[in-house]
Amino acid sequence: MRYRATVGYFVDGRLAEVFIDNSKAGSHSDTNARDGAVLCSLLLQYGAPVDVIRGALMRNANGSPSGPLALALDLIAKETGS
């Protein structure tokens, strides 16, 4: 399944919010992805470090992300060098 993620940043450049959806609007997978992104955004806005959030998300046995939010945060961390 394909997901789309967009992000917003605080003025100082820190990640502030994440939006995730997929092409199956209204499906359980779309709802779960959106809900996870909302919770992540709230955590970020209340000061939780991105690395703490990333570390709390589910991973496969090889350490790769098992869900769309973990993948999005990993890609953001790779892009920003954090």
Protein backbone atom coordinates (compact mmCIF):
# COMPACT_ATOMS: atom_id res chain seq x y z
CA MET A 1 0.00 0.00 0.00
CA ARG A 2 1.25 3.47 -0.81
CA TYR A 3 1.16 6.27 1.74
CA ARG A 4 1.75 9.99 1.37
CA ALA A 5 3.34 12.01 4.15
CA THR A 6 3.70 15.76 4.45
CA VAL A 7 5.22 17.69 7.31
CA GLY A 8 5.25 21.11 8.91
CA TYR A 9 8.05 22.77 10.85
CA PHE A 10 8.37 25.23 13.71
CA VAL A 11 9.97 28.59 12.83
CA ASP A 12 13.26 27.33 14.30
CA GLY A 13 13.31 24.38 11.87
CA ARG A 14 12.21 21.60 14.24
CA LEU A 15 9.61 19.13 13.04
CA ALA A 16 6.18 20.27 14.28
CA GLU A 17 3.58 18.10 12.57
CA VAL A 18 3.15 15.09 10.34
CA PHE A 19 0.26 14.24 8.04
CA ILE A 20 -0.10 10.76 6.54
CA ASP A 21 -2.78 9.29 4.31
CA ASN A 22 -3.25 6.70 1.61
CA SER A 23 -5.42 6.20 -1.44
CA LYS A 24 -8.00 4.14 0.43
CA ALA A 25 -9.80 7.00 2.18
CA GLY A 26 -11.97 5.79 5.02
CA SER A 27 -10.20 2.43 5.29
CA HIS A 28 -8.78 1.11 8.55
CA SER A 29 -5.24 1.55 7.24
CA ASP A 30 -5.90 5.18 6.29
CA THR A 31 -7.54 5.91 9.65
CA ASN A 32 -4.68 4.30 11.56
CA ALA A 33 -2.07 6.23 9.58
CA ARG A 34 -3.91 9.52 10.10
CA ASP A 35 -4.44 8.87 13.81
CA GLY A 36 -0.76 8.00 14.28
CA ALA A 37 0.27 11.21 12.53
CA VAL A 38 -2.08 13.28 14.73
CA LEU A 39 -0.65 11.73 17.88
CA CYS A 40 2.90 12.25 16.62
CA SER A 41 2.12 15.90 15.89
CA LEU A 42 0.72 16.40 19.39
CA LEU A 43 3.79 14.78 20.92
CA LEU A 44 6.06 17.04 18.89
CA GLN A 45 4.09 20.15 19.82
CA TYR A 46 4.32 19.22 23.50
CA GLY A 47 8.10 18.85 23.26
CA ALA A 48 8.72 15.14 22.74
CA PRO A 49 11.97 14.58 20.82
CA VAL A 50 11.60 12.98 17.38
CA ASP A 51 14.16 10.30 18.26
CA VAL A 52 12.10 9.24 21.29
CA ILE A 53 9.00 8.91 19.11
CA ARG A 54 10.94 6.97 16.47
CA GLY A 55 12.31 4.62 19.10
CA ALA A 56 8.84 3.87 20.44
CA LEU A 57 7.38 2.81 17.08
CA MET A 58 7.20 -0.77 15.84
CA ARG A 59 10.16 -2.20 13.93
CA ASN A 60 10.77 -5.38 11.97
CA ALA A 61 13.38 -7.87 13.19
CA ASN A 62 16.03 -6.18 11.02
CA GLY A 63 15.31 -2.75 12.54
CA SER A 64 13.44 -1.39 9.54
CA PRO A 65 10.17 0.46 10.20
CA SER A 66 7.04 -1.67 10.13
CA GLY A 67 4.53 1.16 9.74
CA PRO A 68 4.10 4.32 7.68
CA LEU A 69 4.77 6.73 10.55
CA ALA A 70 8.05 5.07 11.51
CA LEU A 71 9.10 5.08 7.85
CA ALA A 72 8.20 8.76 7.45
CA LEU A 73 10.13 9.74 10.58
CA ASP A 74 13.13 7.66 9.48
CA LEU A 75 13.15 9.35 6.08
CA ILE A 76 12.89 12.80 7.70
CA ALA A 77 15.76 11.96 10.07
CA LYS A 78 17.88 10.73 7.15
CA GLU A 79 17.09 13.86 5.12
CA THR A 80 17.86 16.26 7.97
CA GLY A 81 20.81 14.31 9.32
CA SER A 82 19.28 13.90 12.79
